[in-house]
């Protein structure tokens, strides 16, 4: 459900009016640099001047795009979340018809996401600043959790049609799977370092148990 987003090198642009390609590169570099600095030093530990210098642009260029550091922070979060959750294993599930295999793929993706340092850092940053930016936590909930619910529910609904097994509440089944995996992760992550393999193994057990009650879905 997520892919690591690389941070580009400091920009080295030619003099004069930037081309459309350079404008896009500038924007990508600003967001990537700001994301890296916010994750490393927190919202209050970063200034617009430091972001401009680290990106290789002038303060005027930065402020022409983002009037305030808050505007830039929101854009960093929105862009990162949108890019993360736009990526899924749709192409893999298109070639797989067994619902068990599909759901195993989904929990494997979830496991990889939960241990991704970039995801964990962004999640912690949003929680730490949720009162200052009350719009971002609901955004992460929608693009993260609710998006995953919709994805699993679509898998379940499609499998029901293929297999001729009615499903009354695909969204509820998806939520049961997701919360069982994520809730387990939250508890055990407090006492030991979990790997993606640990989480995936638990997720597969959850899926297999849910499949035993498929006729009650």
C-alpha atoms as a PDB file:
ATOM      1  CA  UNK A   1       0.000   0.000   0.000  1.00  0.00           C
ATOM      2  CA  UNK A   2       3.009   2.238   0.173  1.00  0.00           C
ATOM      3  CA  UNK A   3       6.275   2.846  -1.580  1.00  0.00           C
ATOM      4  CA  UNK A   4       9.330   4.717  -0.333  1.00  0.00           C
ATOM      5  CA  UNK A   5       9.476   8.186  -1.885  1.00  0.00           C
ATOM      6  CA  UNK A   6      13.082   9.184  -2.700  1.00  0.00           C
ATOM      7  CA  UNK A   7      14.466  12.581  -1.792  1.00  0.00           C
ATOM      8  CA  UNK A   8      16.029  14.368  -4.775  1.00  0.00           C
ATOM      9  CA  UNK A   9      19.438  15.995  -4.593  1.00  0.00           C
ATOM     10  CA  UNK A  10      19.769  19.714  -3.974  1.00  0.00           C
ATOM     11  CA  UNK A  11      18.657  21.589  -7.064  1.00  0.00           C
ATOM     12  CA  UNK A  12      21.167  23.134  -9.447  1.00  0.00           C
ATOM     13  CA  UNK A  13      19.069  25.144 -11.891  1.00  0.00           C
ATOM     14  CA  UNK A  14      20.239  27.409 -14.691  1.00  0.00           C
ATOM     15  CA  UNK A  15      19.670  31.146 -14.522  1.00  0.00           C
ATOM     16  CA  UNK A  16      16.594  32.710 -16.082  1.00  0.00           C
ATOM     17  CA  UNK A  17      12.950  31.794 -16.204  1.00  0.00           C
ATOM     18  CA  UNK A  18      12.490  28.105 -15.310  1.00  0.00           C
ATOM     19  CA  UNK A  19      10.979  25.735 -17.824  1.00  0.00           C
ATOM     20  CA  UNK A  20       7.823  23.777 -17.022  1.00  0.00           C
ATOM     21  CA  UNK A  21       9.997  20.741 -16.305  1.00  0.00           C
ATOM     22  CA  UNK A  22      12.146  22.749 -13.910  1.00  0.00           C
ATOM     23  CA  UNK A  23       9.040  24.133 -12.186  1.00  0.00           C
ATOM     24  CA  UNK A  24       7.867  20.572 -11.522  1.00  0.00           C
ATOM     25  CA  UNK A  25      11.333  19.580 -10.288  1.00  0.00           C
ATOM     26  CA  UNK A  26      11.428  22.572  -7.961  1.00  0.00           C
ATOM     27  CA  UNK A  27       8.075  21.606  -6.479  1.00  0.00           C
ATOM     28  CA  UNK A  28       9.144  17.980  -5.990  1.00  0.00           C
ATOM     29  CA  UNK A  29      12.407  19.065  -4.409  1.00  0.00           C
ATOM     30  CA  UNK A  30      10.692  21.491  -2.023  1.00  0.00           C
ATOM     31  CA  UNK A  31       8.250  18.867  -0.804  1.00  0.00           C
ATOM     32  CA  UNK A  32      10.876  16.126  -0.496  1.00  0.00           C
ATOM     33  CA  UNK A  33      13.336  18.377   1.338  1.00  0.00           C
ATOM     34  CA  UNK A  34      10.670  19.767   3.652  1.00  0.00           C
ATOM     35  CA  UNK A  35       9.386  16.265   4.403  1.00  0.00           C
ATOM     36  CA  UNK A  36      12.876  15.083   5.320  1.00  0.00           C
ATOM     37  CA  UNK A  37      13.487  18.082   7.568  1.00  0.00           C
ATOM     38  CA  UNK A  38      10.082  17.945   9.283  1.00  0.00           C
ATOM     39  CA  UNK A  39      10.604  14.255  10.037  1.00  0.00           C
ATOM     40  CA  UNK A  40      14.097  14.869  11.387  1.00  0.00           C
ATOM     41  CA  UNK A  41      13.499  18.027  13.431  1.00  0.00           C
ATOM     42  CA  UNK A  42       9.738  18.349  13.887  1.00  0.00           C
ATOM     43  CA  UNK A  43       7.501  21.188  12.770  1.00  0.00           C
ATOM     44  CA  UNK A  44       8.934  23.743  15.211  1.00  0.00           C
ATOM     45  CA  UNK A  45      12.541  22.791  14.533  1.00  0.00           C
ATOM     46  CA  UNK A  46      12.396  23.755  10.864  1.00  0.00           C
ATOM     47  CA  UNK A  47      12.279  27.207   9.280  1.00  0.00           C
ATOM     48  CA  UNK A  48      11.327  28.246   5.778  1.00  0.00           C
ATOM     49  CA  UNK A  49      14.796  29.737   5.374  1.00  0.00           C
ATOM     50  CA  UNK A  50      16.455  26.393   6.173  1.00  0.00           C
ATOM     51  CA  UNK A  51      14.158  24.562   3.770  1.00  0.00           C
ATOM     52  CA  UNK A  52      14.944  27.019   0.962  1.00  0.00           C
ATOM     53  CA  UNK A  53      18.696  26.736   1.564  1.00  0.00           C
ATOM     54  CA  UNK A  54      18.604  22.932   1.733  1.00  0.00           C
ATOM     55  CA  UNK A  55      16.563  22.771  -1.479  1.00  0.00           C
ATOM     56  CA  UNK A  56      18.863  25.142  -3.322  1.00  0.00           C
ATOM     57  CA  UNK A  57      16.292  27.852  -4.009  1.00  0.00           C
ATOM     58  CA  UNK A  58      15.760  31.396  -2.780  1.00  0.00           C
ATOM     59  CA  UNK A  59      13.376  32.295   0.011  1.00  0.00           C
ATOM     60  CA  UNK A  60      11.418  34.330  -2.540  1.00  0.00           C
ATOM     61  CA  UNK A  61      10.898  31.219  -4.678  1.00  0.00           C
ATOM     62  CA  UNK A  62       9.725  29.231  -1.672  1.00  0.00           C
ATOM     63  CA  UNK A  63       7.384  31.924  -0.344  1.00  0.00           C
ATOM     64  CA  UNK A  64       5.910  32.446  -3.817  1.00  0.00           C
ATOM     65  CA  UNK A  65       4.623  28.869  -3.584  1.00  0.00           C
ATOM     66  CA  UNK A  66       3.877  28.608   0.131  1.00  0.00           C
ATOM     67  CA  UNK A  67       2.948  31.717   2.072  1.00  0.00           C
ATOM     68  CA  UNK A  68       3.540  30.057   5.446  1.00  0.00           C
ATOM     69  CA  UNK A  69       5.309  27.068   6.932  1.00  0.00           C
ATOM     70  CA  UNK A  70       1.894  25.677   7.883  1.00  0.00           C
ATOM     71  CA  UNK A  71       0.830  25.736   4.225  1.00  0.00           C
ATOM     72  CA  UNK A  72       3.991  23.866   3.273  1.00  0.00           C
ATOM     73  CA  UNK A  73       3.529  21.306   6.059  1.00  0.00           C
ATOM     74  CA  UNK A  74      -0.015  20.577   4.914  1.00  0.00           C
ATOM     75  CA  UNK A  75       1.151  20.148   1.338  1.00  0.00           C
ATOM     76  CA  UNK A  76       3.924  17.783   2.421  1.00  0.00           C
ATOM     77  CA  UNK A  77       1.448  15.585   4.301  1.00  0.00           C
ATOM     78  CA  UNK A  78      -1.186  15.631   1.567  1.00  0.00           C
ATOM     79  CA  UNK A  79       1.291  14.896  -1.233  1.00  0.00           C
ATOM     80  CA  UNK A  80       2.967  12.081   0.680  1.00  0.00           C
ATOM     81  CA  UNK A  81      -0.308  10.418   1.632  1.00  0.00           C
ATOM     82  CA  UNK A  82      -1.725  10.741  -1.873  1.00  0.00           C
ATOM     83  CA  UNK A  83       1.363   9.135  -3.416  1.00  0.00           C
ATOM     84  CA  UNK A  84       1.473   6.362  -0.835  1.00  0.00           C
ATOM     85  CA  UNK A  85      -2.132   5.279  -1.106  1.00  0.00           C
ATOM     86  CA  UNK A  86      -2.394   5.660  -4.858  1.00  0.00           C
ATOM     87  CA  UNK A  87      -0.132   2.618  -5.063  1.00  0.00           C
ATOM     88  CA  UNK A  88      -1.684  -0.797  -4.437  1.00  0.00           C
ATOM     89  CA  UNK A  89      -1.380  -4.325  -5.718  1.00  0.00           C
ATOM     90  CA  UNK A  90      -4.321  -3.991  -8.071  1.00  0.00           C
ATOM     91  CA  UNK A  91      -2.274  -5.479 -10.889  1.00  0.00           C
ATOM     92  CA  UNK A  92      -1.475  -8.554  -8.775  1.00  0.00           C
ATOM     93  CA  UNK A  93      -5.024  -9.159  -7.617  1.00  0.00           C
ATOM     94  CA  UNK A  94      -6.265  -8.835 -11.197  1.00  0.00           C
ATOM     95  CA  UNK A  95      -4.420 -12.071 -11.927  1.00  0.00           C
ATOM     96  CA  UNK A  96      -5.471 -13.885  -8.739  1.00  0.00           C
ATOM     97  CA  UNK A  97      -8.972 -15.196  -8.152  1.00  0.00           C
ATOM     98  CA  UNK A  98      -8.571 -16.941  -4.785  1.00  0.00           C
ATOM     99  CA  UNK A  99      -9.850 -14.631  -2.046  1.00  0.00           C
ATOM    100  CA  UNK A 100      -7.468 -16.089   0.511  1.00  0.00           C
ATOM    101  CA  UNK A 101      -4.421 -15.313  -1.625  1.00  0.00           C
ATOM    102  CA  UNK A 102      -5.709 -11.825  -2.342  1.00  0.00           C
ATOM    103  CA  UNK A 103      -6.265 -11.025   1.320  1.00  0.00           C
ATOM    104  CA  UNK A 104      -2.854 -12.456   2.184  1.00  0.00           C
ATOM    105  CA  UNK A 105      -1.356  -9.997  -0.317  1.00  0.00           C
ATOM    106  CA  UNK A 106      -3.252  -7.135   1.282  1.00  0.00           C
ATOM    107  CA  UNK A 107      -2.034  -7.904   4.804  1.00  0.00           C
ATOM    108  CA  UNK A 108       1.511  -8.280   3.455  1.00  0.00           C
ATOM    109  CA  UNK A 109       1.238  -4.773   2.015  1.00  0.00           C
ATOM    110  CA  UNK A 110      -0.110  -3.553   5.334  1.00  0.00           C
ATOM    111  CA  UNK A 111       2.790  -5.179   7.202  1.00  0.00           C
ATOM    112  CA  UNK A 112       5.328  -3.461   4.954  1.00  0.00           C
ATOM    113  CA  UNK A 113       3.619  -0.131   5.512  1.00  0.00           C
ATOM    114  CA  UNK A 114       3.490  -0.407   9.292  1.00  0.00           C
ATOM    115  CA  UNK A 115       7.252  -0.926   9.616  1.00  0.00           C
ATOM    116  CA  UNK A 116       8.226   1.651   6.993  1.00  0.00           C
ATOM    117  CA  UNK A 117      10.254   4.327   8.877  1.00  0.00           C
ATOM    118  CA  UNK A 118       8.916   7.074   6.636  1.00  0.00           C
ATOM    119  CA  UNK A 119       5.307   6.065   7.295  1.00  0.00           C
ATOM    120  CA  UNK A 120       5.898   5.732  11.026  1.00  0.00           C
ATOM    121  CA  UNK A 121       7.625   9.088  11.172  1.00  0.00           C
ATOM    122  CA  UNK A 122       4.879  10.860   9.262  1.00  0.00           C
ATOM    123  CA  UNK A 123       2.187   9.184  11.358  1.00  0.00           C
ATOM    124  CA  UNK A 124       3.918  10.298  14.585  1.00  0.00           C
ATOM    125  CA  UNK A 125       4.370  13.819  13.210  1.00  0.00           C
ATOM    126  CA  UNK A 126       0.671  14.110  12.391  1.00  0.00           C
ATOM    127  CA  UNK A 127      -0.354  12.815  15.822  1.00  0.00           C
ATOM    128  CA  UNK A 128       2.046  15.190  17.567  1.00  0.00           C
ATOM    129  CA  UNK A 129       0.619  18.177  15.663  1.00  0.00           C
ATOM    130  CA  UNK A 130      -3.014  17.066  15.360  1.00  0.00           C
ATOM    131  CA  UNK A 131      -4.335  19.949  17.482  1.00  0.00           C
ATOM    132  CA  UNK A 132      -2.417  22.491  15.426  1.00  0.00           C
ATOM    133  CA  UNK A 133      -3.532  20.875  12.151  1.00  0.00           C
ATOM    134  CA  UNK A 134      -6.916  19.275  12.897  1.00  0.00           C
ATOM    135  CA  UNK A 135      -7.565  18.664   9.185  1.00  0.00           C
ATOM    136  CA  UNK A 136      -4.611  16.293   8.676  1.00  0.00           C
ATOM    137  CA  UNK A 137      -5.519  13.425  11.014  1.00  0.00           C
ATOM    138  CA  UNK A 138      -8.924  12.914   9.308  1.00  0.00           C
ATOM    139  CA  UNK A 139      -7.116  13.076   5.959  1.00  0.00           C
ATOM    140  CA  UNK A 140      -4.752  10.290   6.989  1.00  0.00           C
ATOM    141  CA  UNK A 141      -7.716   8.320   8.332  1.00  0.00           C
ATOM    142  CA  UNK A 142      -9.503   8.647   4.994  1.00  0.00           C
ATOM    143  CA  UNK A 143      -6.545   8.074   2.675  1.00  0.00           C
ATOM    144  CA  UNK A 144      -5.108   5.395   4.933  1.00  0.00           C
ATOM    145  CA  UNK A 145      -7.565   3.360   6.941  1.00  0.00           C
ATOM    146  CA  UNK A 146     -10.769   4.021   5.010  1.00  0.00           C
ATOM    147  CA  UNK A 147      -8.980   3.583   1.694  1.00  0.00           C
ATOM    148  CA  UNK A 148      -7.735   0.189   2.873  1.00  0.00           C
ATOM    149  CA  UNK A 149     -11.268  -0.740   3.987  1.00  0.00           C
ATOM    150  CA  UNK A 150     -12.617   0.162   0.548  1.00  0.00           C
ATOM    151  CA  UNK A 151      -9.863  -1.810  -1.165  1.00  0.00           C
ATOM    152  CA  UNK A 152     -10.476  -4.969   0.865  1.00  0.00           C
ATOM    153  CA  UNK A 153     -14.244  -4.617   0.595  1.00  0.00           C
ATOM    154  CA  UNK A 154     -13.959  -4.452  -3.204  1.00  0.00           C
ATOM    155  CA  UNK A 155     -11.812  -7.600  -3.166  1.00  0.00           C
ATOM    156  CA  UNK A 156     -14.370  -9.383  -0.988  1.00  0.00           C
ATOM    157  CA  UNK A 157     -17.317  -8.235  -3.095  1.00  0.00           C
ATOM    158  CA  UNK A 158     -15.641  -9.304  -6.343  1.00  0.00           C
ATOM    159  CA  UNK A 159     -14.743 -12.717  -4.892  1.00  0.00           C
ATOM    160  CA  UNK A 160     -18.327 -13.222  -3.730  1.00  0.00           C
ATOM    161  CA  UNK A 161     -19.557 -12.674  -7.280  1.00  0.00           C
ATOM    162  CA  UNK A 162     -16.930 -14.991  -8.756  1.00  0.00           C
ATOM    163  CA  UNK A 163     -17.509 -17.768  -6.216  1.00  0.00           C
ATOM    164  CA  UNK A 164     -21.267 -17.454  -5.975  1.00  0.00           C
ATOM    165  CA  UNK A 165     -21.075 -16.913  -2.212  1.00  0.00           C
ATOM    166  CA  UNK A 166     -23.248 -13.990  -1.043  1.00  0.00           C
ATOM    167  CA  UNK A 167     -21.667 -11.354   1.185  1.00  0.00           C
ATOM    168  CA  UNK A 168     -23.892  -9.041   3.206  1.00  0.00           C
ATOM    169  CA  UNK A 169     -21.305  -6.749   4.825  1.00  0.00           C
ATOM    170  CA  UNK A 170     -18.019  -6.596   2.878  1.00  0.00           C
ATOM    171  CA  UNK A 171     -16.950  -3.344   4.561  1.00  0.00           C
ATOM    172  CA  UNK A 172     -17.493  -4.829   8.027  1.00  0.00           C
ATOM    173  CA  UNK A 173     -15.403  -7.891   7.138  1.00  0.00           C
ATOM    174  CA  UNK A 174     -12.643  -5.638   5.813  1.00  0.00           C
ATOM    175  CA  UNK A 175     -12.678  -3.603   9.022  1.00  0.00           C
ATOM    176  CA  UNK A 176     -12.468  -6.720  11.171  1.00  0.00           C
ATOM    177  CA  UNK A 177      -9.364  -7.845   9.291  1.00  0.00           C
ATOM    178  CA  UNK A 178      -7.662  -4.462   9.374  1.00  0.00           C
ATOM    179  CA  UNK A 179      -8.346  -3.718  13.022  1.00  0.00           C
ATOM    180  CA  UNK A 180      -7.292  -7.219  14.083  1.00  0.00           C
ATOM    181  CA  UNK A 181      -3.929  -6.748  12.361  1.00  0.00           C
ATOM    182  CA  UNK A 182      -3.360  -3.118  13.293  1.00  0.00           C
ATOM    183  CA  UNK A 183      -4.559  -3.540  16.870  1.00  0.00           C
ATOM    184  CA  UNK A 184      -2.183  -6.474  17.384  1.00  0.00           C
ATOM    185  CA  UNK A 185       0.644  -4.411  15.937  1.00  0.00           C
ATOM    186  CA  UNK A 186      -0.032  -1.474  18.266  1.00  0.00           C
ATOM    187  CA  UNK A 187       0.033  -3.690  21.356  1.00  0.00           C
ATOM    188  CA  UNK A 188       3.119  -5.744  20.579  1.00  0.00           C
ATOM    189  CA  UNK A 189       5.071  -2.880  19.041  1.00  0.00           C
ATOM    190  CA  UNK A 190       5.147  -1.437  22.561  1.00  0.00           C
ATOM    191  CA  UNK A 191       7.133  -4.345  24.000  1.00  0.00           C
ATOM    192  CA  UNK A 192       9.264  -5.682  21.153  1.00  0.00           C
ATOM    193  CA  UNK A 193      10.538  -4.718  17.736  1.00  0.00           C
ATOM    194  CA  UNK A 194       8.255  -6.201  15.127  1.00  0.00           C
ATOM    195  CA  UNK A 195       9.295  -7.073  11.604  1.00  0.00           C
ATOM    196  CA  UNK A 196       7.113  -7.051   8.518  1.00  0.00           C
ATOM    197  CA  UNK A 197       7.287 -10.852   8.630  1.00  0.00           C
ATOM    198  CA  UNK A 198       5.901 -10.883  12.188  1.00  0.00           C
ATOM    199  CA  UNK A 199       2.957  -8.701  11.208  1.00  0.00           C
ATOM    200  CA  UNK A 200       2.319 -10.574   7.981  1.00  0.00           C
ATOM    201  CA  UNK A 201       2.287 -13.922   9.809  1.00  0.00           C
ATOM    202  CA  UNK A 202      -0.307 -12.616  12.249  1.00  0.00           C
ATOM    203  CA  UNK A 203      -2.291 -11.103   9.379  1.00  0.00           C
ATOM    204  CA  UNK A 204      -2.395 -14.405   7.538  1.00  0.00           C
ATOM    205  CA  UNK A 205      -3.745 -16.090  10.673  1.00  0.00           C
ATOM    206  CA  UNK A 206      -6.442 -13.427  10.934  1.00  0.00           C
ATOM    207  CA  UNK A 207      -7.417 -13.907   7.286  1.00  0.00           C
ATOM    208  CA  UNK A 208      -7.501 -17.692   7.604  1.00  0.00           C
ATOM    209  CA  UNK A 209      -9.725 -17.493  10.695  1.00  0.00           C
ATOM    210  CA  UNK A 210     -12.055 -15.073   8.947  1.00  0.00           C
ATOM    211  CA  UNK A 211     -12.282 -17.373   5.934  1.00  0.00           C
ATOM    212  CA  UNK A 212     -13.527 -20.185   8.169  1.00  0.00           C
ATOM    213  CA  UNK A 213     -16.623 -18.072   8.783  1.00  0.00           C
ATOM    214  CA  UNK A 214     -17.040 -16.915   5.180  1.00  0.00           C
ATOM    215  CA  UNK A 215     -20.621 -18.168   5.012  1.00  0.00           C
ATOM    216  CA  UNK A 216     -21.461 -15.654   7.765  1.00  0.00           C
ATOM    217  CA  UNK A 217     -20.022 -12.663   5.923  1.00  0.00           C
END
